[in-house]
């Protein structure tokens, strides 16, 4: 059986910056998407919810004490499947899987779901009934999974940030000027979308003009403030 290895952690600074795959918490006290993305820029990242957030961008739910109950995890699986998410993954400790009814309750979904077990025995092996095993904890938790664990799953897309920037107007003969606008940039391809232009610009000189968008520093204050 071919296996893959990966790490997960609340503190993103302990993760491997060269990782090609990873997970992050998309909600809850330890939500850490931005930190994991910054630490692992080359990784395909998959979201874990502790509150039962649903949607095609959420890969797994965390079913353990303080997070989702067994019943809530089963409800989450039903909703994810209804939304067409595939595969759907549930993370839980060995006791919940085998002694609290989680494995039996999800058996009817067969290969439509991924079963991620946590059992800190220090052995990098996946039980026959599971798809992944978190086998050691510490500064970073260590995981091993079947080679198709993330196959067909959709990585969480990089978030789009909104901020102020400049629109520079230039013409063949005439003046140049600056207007303020709000827009968004796709962090994956660098493409900009402008929105909320403040009226119709006017400039001197013949021939018309064109927009040229130039972004400011990410945390720069809004222009004109």
C-alpha atoms as a PDB file:
ATOM      1  CA  UNK A   1       0.000   0.000   0.000  1.00  0.00           C
ATOM      2  CA  UNK A   2       1.484   3.359  -1.061  1.00  0.00           C
ATOM      3  CA  UNK A   3       1.437   5.994   1.669  1.00  0.00           C
ATOM      4  CA  UNK A   4       2.029   9.721   1.875  1.00  0.00           C
ATOM      5  CA  UNK A   5       3.165  11.697   4.915  1.00  0.00           C
ATOM      6  CA  UNK A   6       2.228  15.179   6.078  1.00  0.00           C
ATOM      7  CA  UNK A   7       2.169  17.300   9.221  1.00  0.00           C
ATOM      8  CA  UNK A   8      -0.490  19.438  10.844  1.00  0.00           C
ATOM      9  CA  UNK A   9      -0.188  21.983  13.627  1.00  0.00           C
ATOM     10  CA  UNK A  10      -1.946  24.906  15.252  1.00  0.00           C
ATOM     11  CA  UNK A  11       1.361  26.778  15.139  1.00  0.00           C
ATOM     12  CA  UNK A  12       2.208  27.095  11.447  1.00  0.00           C
ATOM     13  CA  UNK A  13       5.834  28.011  12.189  1.00  0.00           C
ATOM     14  CA  UNK A  14       6.687  24.354  12.897  1.00  0.00           C
ATOM     15  CA  UNK A  15       5.471  23.118   9.493  1.00  0.00           C
ATOM     16  CA  UNK A  16       7.782  22.235   6.614  1.00  0.00           C
ATOM     17  CA  UNK A  17       8.057  25.298   4.321  1.00  0.00           C
ATOM     18  CA  UNK A  18       8.706  22.965   1.371  1.00  0.00           C
ATOM     19  CA  UNK A  19       5.591  20.855   1.951  1.00  0.00           C
ATOM     20  CA  UNK A  20       3.536  20.071  -1.136  1.00  0.00           C
ATOM     21  CA  UNK A  21       0.337  19.243   0.752  1.00  0.00           C
ATOM     22  CA  UNK A  22      -1.089  20.403   4.059  1.00  0.00           C
ATOM     23  CA  UNK A  23      -4.155  21.187   6.141  1.00  0.00           C
ATOM     24  CA  UNK A  24      -5.329  24.193   8.150  1.00  0.00           C
ATOM     25  CA  UNK A  25      -8.166  25.131  10.486  1.00  0.00           C
ATOM     26  CA  UNK A  26     -10.665  27.388   8.716  1.00  0.00           C
ATOM     27  CA  UNK A  27     -12.522  28.334  11.904  1.00  0.00           C
ATOM     28  CA  UNK A  28     -12.364  28.057  15.674  1.00  0.00           C
ATOM     29  CA  UNK A  29      -9.842  29.254  18.230  1.00  0.00           C
ATOM     30  CA  UNK A  30      -6.909  27.869  16.235  1.00  0.00           C
ATOM     31  CA  UNK A  31      -7.948  29.118  12.772  1.00  0.00           C
ATOM     32  CA  UNK A  32      -4.646  29.488  10.936  1.00  0.00           C
ATOM     33  CA  UNK A  33      -5.174  29.616   7.182  1.00  0.00           C
ATOM     34  CA  UNK A  34      -3.145  32.772   6.556  1.00  0.00           C
ATOM     35  CA  UNK A  35      -0.229  31.534   8.651  1.00  0.00           C
ATOM     36  CA  UNK A  36      -0.151  28.111   6.974  1.00  0.00           C
ATOM     37  CA  UNK A  37      -0.298  29.683   3.508  1.00  0.00           C
ATOM     38  CA  UNK A  38       2.586  31.979   4.373  1.00  0.00           C
ATOM     39  CA  UNK A  39       4.648  29.131   5.826  1.00  0.00           C
ATOM     40  CA  UNK A  40       3.916  26.596   3.042  1.00  0.00           C
ATOM     41  CA  UNK A  41       3.648  28.625  -0.180  1.00  0.00           C
ATOM     42  CA  UNK A  42       4.047  25.585  -2.462  1.00  0.00           C
ATOM     43  CA  UNK A  43       1.487  23.340  -0.770  1.00  0.00           C
ATOM     44  CA  UNK A  44      -1.998  22.365  -1.828  1.00  0.00           C
ATOM     45  CA  UNK A  45      -3.979  23.172   1.292  1.00  0.00           C
ATOM     46  CA  UNK A  46      -7.183  21.603   2.594  1.00  0.00           C
ATOM     47  CA  UNK A  47      -9.521  23.101   5.194  1.00  0.00           C
ATOM     48  CA  UNK A  48     -10.634  21.499   8.467  1.00  0.00           C
ATOM     49  CA  UNK A  49     -13.697  22.829  10.291  1.00  0.00           C
ATOM     50  CA  UNK A  50     -14.314  22.517  14.025  1.00  0.00           C
ATOM     51  CA  UNK A  51     -17.687  24.315  13.893  1.00  0.00           C
ATOM     52  CA  UNK A  52     -19.271  22.275  11.090  1.00  0.00           C
ATOM     53  CA  UNK A  53     -18.755  24.814   8.327  1.00  0.00           C
ATOM     54  CA  UNK A  54     -19.929  23.362   5.016  1.00  0.00           C
ATOM     55  CA  UNK A  55     -19.070  23.976   1.386  1.00  0.00           C
ATOM     56  CA  UNK A  56     -16.877  22.662  -1.400  1.00  0.00           C
ATOM     57  CA  UNK A  57     -13.844  24.438   0.040  1.00  0.00           C
ATOM     58  CA  UNK A  58     -14.012  22.440   3.300  1.00  0.00           C
ATOM     59  CA  UNK A  59     -12.273  19.070   3.221  1.00  0.00           C
ATOM     60  CA  UNK A  60     -12.648  17.670   6.750  1.00  0.00           C
ATOM     61  CA  UNK A  61     -14.510  18.091  10.019  1.00  0.00           C
ATOM     62  CA  UNK A  62     -12.942  17.665  13.445  1.00  0.00           C
ATOM     63  CA  UNK A  63     -14.999  15.263  15.579  1.00  0.00           C
ATOM     64  CA  UNK A  64     -13.495  15.332  19.052  1.00  0.00           C
ATOM     65  CA  UNK A  65     -14.213  16.687  22.523  1.00  0.00           C
ATOM     66  CA  UNK A  66     -14.868  20.419  22.330  1.00  0.00           C
ATOM     67  CA  UNK A  67     -15.568  20.300  18.601  1.00  0.00           C
ATOM     68  CA  UNK A  68     -18.227  18.308  16.728  1.00  0.00           C
ATOM     69  CA  UNK A  69     -20.038  15.440  18.412  1.00  0.00           C
ATOM     70  CA  UNK A  70     -20.571  12.113  16.664  1.00  0.00           C
ATOM     71  CA  UNK A  71     -24.125  13.129  15.745  1.00  0.00           C
ATOM     72  CA  UNK A  72     -22.981  16.529  14.463  1.00  0.00           C
ATOM     73  CA  UNK A  73     -20.253  14.922  12.363  1.00  0.00           C
ATOM     74  CA  UNK A  74     -22.803  12.617  10.751  1.00  0.00           C
ATOM     75  CA  UNK A  75     -25.068  15.600  10.002  1.00  0.00           C
ATOM     76  CA  UNK A  76     -22.099  17.440   8.495  1.00  0.00           C
ATOM     77  CA  UNK A  77     -21.294  14.485   6.229  1.00  0.00           C
ATOM     78  CA  UNK A  78     -24.886  14.371   4.972  1.00  0.00           C
ATOM     79  CA  UNK A  79     -24.828  18.070   4.109  1.00  0.00           C
ATOM     80  CA  UNK A  80     -21.423  17.913   2.400  1.00  0.00           C
ATOM     81  CA  UNK A  81     -22.575  15.018   0.243  1.00  0.00           C
ATOM     82  CA  UNK A  82     -25.774  16.902  -0.587  1.00  0.00           C
ATOM     83  CA  UNK A  83     -23.635  19.806  -1.775  1.00  0.00           C
ATOM     84  CA  UNK A  84     -21.724  17.456  -4.068  1.00  0.00           C
ATOM     85  CA  UNK A  85     -18.451  17.583  -2.143  1.00  0.00           C
ATOM     86  CA  UNK A  86     -16.187  14.622  -2.862  1.00  0.00           C
ATOM     87  CA  UNK A  87     -14.484  13.205  -0.997  1.00  0.00           C
ATOM     88  CA  UNK A  88     -15.750  14.120   2.482  1.00  0.00           C
ATOM     89  CA  UNK A  89     -13.333  13.539   5.364  1.00  0.00           C
ATOM     90  CA  UNK A  90     -13.951  13.056   9.091  1.00  0.00           C
ATOM     91  CA  UNK A  91     -11.152  13.292  11.677  1.00  0.00           C
ATOM     92  CA  UNK A  92     -11.624  11.659  15.085  1.00  0.00           C
ATOM     93  CA  UNK A  93      -9.723   9.771  17.762  1.00  0.00           C
ATOM     94  CA  UNK A  94      -9.656   5.977  17.845  1.00  0.00           C
ATOM     95  CA  UNK A  95     -12.161   5.836  20.740  1.00  0.00           C
ATOM     96  CA  UNK A  96     -14.799   7.779  18.826  1.00  0.00           C
ATOM     97  CA  UNK A  97     -14.332   5.689  15.729  1.00  0.00           C
ATOM     98  CA  UNK A  98     -14.486   2.288  17.375  1.00  0.00           C
ATOM     99  CA  UNK A  99     -16.250   2.731  20.718  1.00  0.00           C
ATOM    100  CA  UNK A 100     -18.620   5.671  20.283  1.00  0.00           C
ATOM    101  CA  UNK A 101     -20.319   4.585  17.074  1.00  0.00           C
ATOM    102  CA  UNK A 102     -18.704   6.888  14.502  1.00  0.00           C
ATOM    103  CA  UNK A 103     -17.321   4.119  12.284  1.00  0.00           C
ATOM    104  CA  UNK A 104     -20.601   2.210  12.289  1.00  0.00           C
ATOM    105  CA  UNK A 105     -22.658   5.348  11.718  1.00  0.00           C
ATOM    106  CA  UNK A 106     -20.668   6.314   8.623  1.00  0.00           C
ATOM    107  CA  UNK A 107     -20.269   2.789   7.210  1.00  0.00           C
ATOM    108  CA  UNK A 108     -23.113   3.286   4.732  1.00  0.00           C
ATOM    109  CA  UNK A 109     -21.103   5.957   2.884  1.00  0.00           C
ATOM    110  CA  UNK A 110     -18.318   3.522   2.040  1.00  0.00           C
ATOM    111  CA  UNK A 111     -15.655   5.113  -0.191  1.00  0.00           C
ATOM    112  CA  UNK A 112     -17.562   8.404  -0.512  1.00  0.00           C
ATOM    113  CA  UNK A 113     -15.847   9.550   2.672  1.00  0.00           C
ATOM    114  CA  UNK A 114     -12.325   9.548   4.080  1.00  0.00           C
ATOM    115  CA  UNK A 115     -11.755   8.291   7.629  1.00  0.00           C
ATOM    116  CA  UNK A 116      -8.882  10.061   9.432  1.00  0.00           C
ATOM    117  CA  UNK A 117      -7.974   8.297  12.674  1.00  0.00           C
ATOM    118  CA  UNK A 118      -5.908   9.669  15.565  1.00  0.00           C
ATOM    119  CA  UNK A 119      -4.045   7.097  17.660  1.00  0.00           C
ATOM    120  CA  UNK A 120      -0.686   8.172  19.029  1.00  0.00           C
ATOM    121  CA  UNK A 121       1.062   4.807  19.065  1.00  0.00           C
ATOM    122  CA  UNK A 122       4.083   6.141  17.178  1.00  0.00           C
ATOM    123  CA  UNK A 123       3.589   3.687  14.305  1.00  0.00           C
ATOM    124  CA  UNK A 124       3.301   5.202  10.834  1.00  0.00           C
ATOM    125  CA  UNK A 125       0.633   2.807   9.597  1.00  0.00           C
ATOM    126  CA  UNK A 126      -3.010   3.191   8.518  1.00  0.00           C
ATOM    127  CA  UNK A 127      -5.632   0.807   9.959  1.00  0.00           C
ATOM    128  CA  UNK A 128      -7.433  -1.329   7.400  1.00  0.00           C
ATOM    129  CA  UNK A 129     -10.708   0.524   8.083  1.00  0.00           C
ATOM    130  CA  UNK A 130      -9.207   4.045   7.802  1.00  0.00           C
ATOM    131  CA  UNK A 131      -7.647   6.245   5.124  1.00  0.00           C
ATOM    132  CA  UNK A 132      -5.219   8.232   7.271  1.00  0.00           C
ATOM    133  CA  UNK A 133      -3.621   8.005  10.691  1.00  0.00           C
ATOM    134  CA  UNK A 134      -2.334  10.737  12.973  1.00  0.00           C
ATOM    135  CA  UNK A 135       0.204   8.588  14.763  1.00  0.00           C
ATOM    136  CA  UNK A 136       2.239  11.052  16.821  1.00  0.00           C
ATOM    137  CA  UNK A 137       1.618  14.405  18.453  1.00  0.00           C
ATOM    138  CA  UNK A 138       3.943  17.100  19.687  1.00  0.00           C
ATOM    139  CA  UNK A 139       5.082  20.429  18.320  1.00  0.00           C
ATOM    140  CA  UNK A 140       3.648  19.217  15.016  1.00  0.00           C
ATOM    141  CA  UNK A 141       1.341  16.240  14.631  1.00  0.00           C
ATOM    142  CA  UNK A 142       2.586  13.522  12.271  1.00  0.00           C
ATOM    143  CA  UNK A 143       0.234  11.930   9.775  1.00  0.00           C
ATOM    144  CA  UNK A 144       0.399   9.134   7.262  1.00  0.00           C
ATOM    145  CA  UNK A 145      -2.293   8.466   4.658  1.00  0.00           C
ATOM    146  CA  UNK A 146      -3.166   6.298   1.719  1.00  0.00           C
ATOM    147  CA  UNK A 147      -1.826   7.789  -1.508  1.00  0.00           C
ATOM    148  CA  UNK A 148      -5.325   8.731  -2.683  1.00  0.00           C
ATOM    149  CA  UNK A 149      -6.290  10.489   0.571  1.00  0.00           C
ATOM    150  CA  UNK A 150      -6.456  13.924  -1.054  1.00  0.00           C
ATOM    151  CA  UNK A 151      -7.171  12.639  -4.568  1.00  0.00           C
ATOM    152  CA  UNK A 152     -10.241  14.269  -6.153  1.00  0.00           C
ATOM    153  CA  UNK A 153     -10.483  16.732  -3.241  1.00  0.00           C
ATOM    154  CA  UNK A 154     -10.515  20.412  -4.169  1.00  0.00           C
ATOM    155  CA  UNK A 155      -7.779  22.461  -2.474  1.00  0.00           C
ATOM    156  CA  UNK A 156      -9.047  25.540  -0.671  1.00  0.00           C
ATOM    157  CA  UNK A 157      -8.543  28.553  -2.976  1.00  0.00           C
ATOM    158  CA  UNK A 158      -6.328  31.398  -1.873  1.00  0.00           C
ATOM    159  CA  UNK A 159      -8.438  34.219  -0.413  1.00  0.00           C
ATOM    160  CA  UNK A 160      -8.980  37.409  -2.378  1.00  0.00           C
ATOM    161  CA  UNK A 161      -8.029  40.532  -0.442  1.00  0.00           C
ATOM    162  CA  UNK A 162      -9.631  43.939  -0.973  1.00  0.00           C
ATOM    163  CA  UNK A 163      -7.721  47.158  -0.551  1.00  0.00           C
ATOM    164  CA  UNK A 164      -7.182  50.593  -2.070  1.00  0.00           C
ATOM    165  CA  UNK A 165      -4.778  51.146  -4.929  1.00  0.00           C
ATOM    166  CA  UNK A 166      -4.124  53.610  -7.719  1.00  0.00           C
ATOM    167  CA  UNK A 167      -5.577  54.036 -11.182  1.00  0.00           C
ATOM    168  CA  UNK A 168      -3.230  56.049 -13.347  1.00  0.00           C
ATOM    169  CA  UNK A 169      -4.661  57.792 -16.392  1.00  0.00           C
ATOM    170  CA  UNK A 170      -2.250  58.379 -19.274  1.00  0.00           C
ATOM    171  CA  UNK A 171      -2.788  59.840 -22.739  1.00  0.00           C
ATOM    172  CA  UNK A 172      -0.547  60.254 -25.832  1.00  0.00           C
ATOM    173  CA  UNK A 173      -0.438  64.015 -25.385  1.00  0.00           C
ATOM    174  CA  UNK A 174      -1.751  65.676 -22.282  1.00  0.00           C
ATOM    175  CA  UNK A 175      -1.640  65.124 -18.530  1.00  0.00           C
ATOM    176  CA  UNK A 176      -1.597  62.225 -16.158  1.00  0.00           C
ATOM    177  CA  UNK A 177      -3.525  61.907 -12.961  1.00  0.00           C
ATOM    178  CA  UNK A 178      -4.560  59.566 -10.166  1.00  0.00           C
ATOM    179  CA  UNK A 179      -8.012  58.436  -9.030  1.00  0.00           C
ATOM    180  CA  UNK A 180      -8.985  56.283  -6.069  1.00  0.00           C
ATOM    181  CA  UNK A 181     -10.889  53.001  -6.300  1.00  0.00           C
ATOM    182  CA  UNK A 182     -11.579  49.761  -4.501  1.00  0.00           C
ATOM    183  CA  UNK A 183     -10.773  46.471  -6.146  1.00  0.00           C
ATOM    184  CA  UNK A 184      -9.625  42.926  -5.653  1.00  0.00           C
ATOM    185  CA  UNK A 185      -6.588  40.974  -6.740  1.00  0.00           C
ATOM    186  CA  UNK A 186      -6.376  37.238  -7.348  1.00  0.00           C
ATOM    187  CA  UNK A 187      -3.290  36.161  -5.385  1.00  0.00           C
ATOM    188  CA  UNK A 188      -2.788  33.123  -7.606  1.00  0.00           C
ATOM    189  CA  UNK A 189      -2.478  34.890 -10.973  1.00  0.00           C
ATOM    190  CA  UNK A 190      -2.039  38.555  -9.983  1.00  0.00           C
ATOM    191  CA  UNK A 191      -5.108  39.667 -11.949  1.00  0.00           C
ATOM    192  CA  UNK A 192      -6.979  42.778 -10.777  1.00  0.00           C
ATOM    193  CA  UNK A 193     -10.693  43.556 -10.787  1.00  0.00           C
ATOM    194  CA  UNK A 194     -11.615  47.214 -10.293  1.00  0.00           C
ATOM    195  CA  UNK A 195     -14.881  48.255  -8.679  1.00  0.00           C
ATOM    196  CA  UNK A 196     -16.442  51.418  -7.313  1.00  0.00           C
ATOM    197  CA  UNK A 197     -14.806  53.932  -9.678  1.00  0.00           C
ATOM    198  CA  UNK A 198     -15.483  57.493  -8.413  1.00  0.00           C
ATOM    199  CA  UNK A 199     -17.264  58.951 -11.424  1.00  0.00           C
ATOM    200  CA  UNK A 200     -16.057  59.692 -14.944  1.00  0.00           C
ATOM    201  CA  UNK A 201     -12.432  60.878 -15.233  1.00  0.00           C
ATOM    202  CA  UNK A 202     -11.467  63.849 -17.384  1.00  0.00           C
ATOM    203  CA  UNK A 203      -8.069  64.646 -18.818  1.00  0.00           C
ATOM    204  CA  UNK A 204      -6.369  67.090 -21.186  1.00  0.00           C
ATOM    205  CA  UNK A 205      -5.115  66.341 -24.653  1.00  0.00           C
ATOM    206  CA  UNK A 206      -6.413  64.508 -27.715  1.00  0.00           C
ATOM    207  CA  UNK A 207      -6.633  60.804 -28.388  1.00  0.00           C
ATOM    208  CA  UNK A 208      -8.382  59.487 -25.282  1.00  0.00           C
ATOM    209  CA  UNK A 209      -6.604  57.438 -22.668  1.00  0.00           C
ATOM    210  CA  UNK A 210      -6.497  54.120 -20.834  1.00  0.00           C
ATOM    211  CA  UNK A 211      -6.470  52.728 -17.317  1.00  0.00           C
ATOM    212  CA  UNK A 212      -3.327  51.313 -15.807  1.00  0.00           C
ATOM    213  CA  UNK A 213      -3.791  49.619 -12.421  1.00  0.00           C
ATOM    214  CA  UNK A 214      -0.922  49.667  -9.947  1.00  0.00           C
ATOM    215  CA  UNK A 215      -1.275  48.106  -6.516  1.00  0.00           C
ATOM    216  CA  UNK A 216      -0.055  49.695  -3.323  1.00  0.00           C
ATOM    217  CA  UNK A 217       1.560  47.890  -0.406  1.00  0.00           C
ATOM    218  CA  UNK A 218      -0.929  45.354   0.998  1.00  0.00           C
ATOM    219  CA  UNK A 219      -1.412  47.162   4.319  1.00  0.00           C
ATOM    220  CA  UNK A 220      -1.221  50.714   2.969  1.00  0.00           C
ATOM    221  CA  UNK A 221      -3.973  53.080   4.199  1.00  0.00           C
ATOM    222  CA  UNK A 222      -6.720  53.983   1.704  1.00  0.00           C
ATOM    223  CA  UNK A 223      -5.774  56.765  -0.700  1.00  0.00           C
ATOM    224  CA  UNK A 224      -7.429  60.072   0.021  1.00  0.00           C
ATOM    225  CA  UNK A 225      -7.996  59.229   3.686  1.00  0.00           C
END
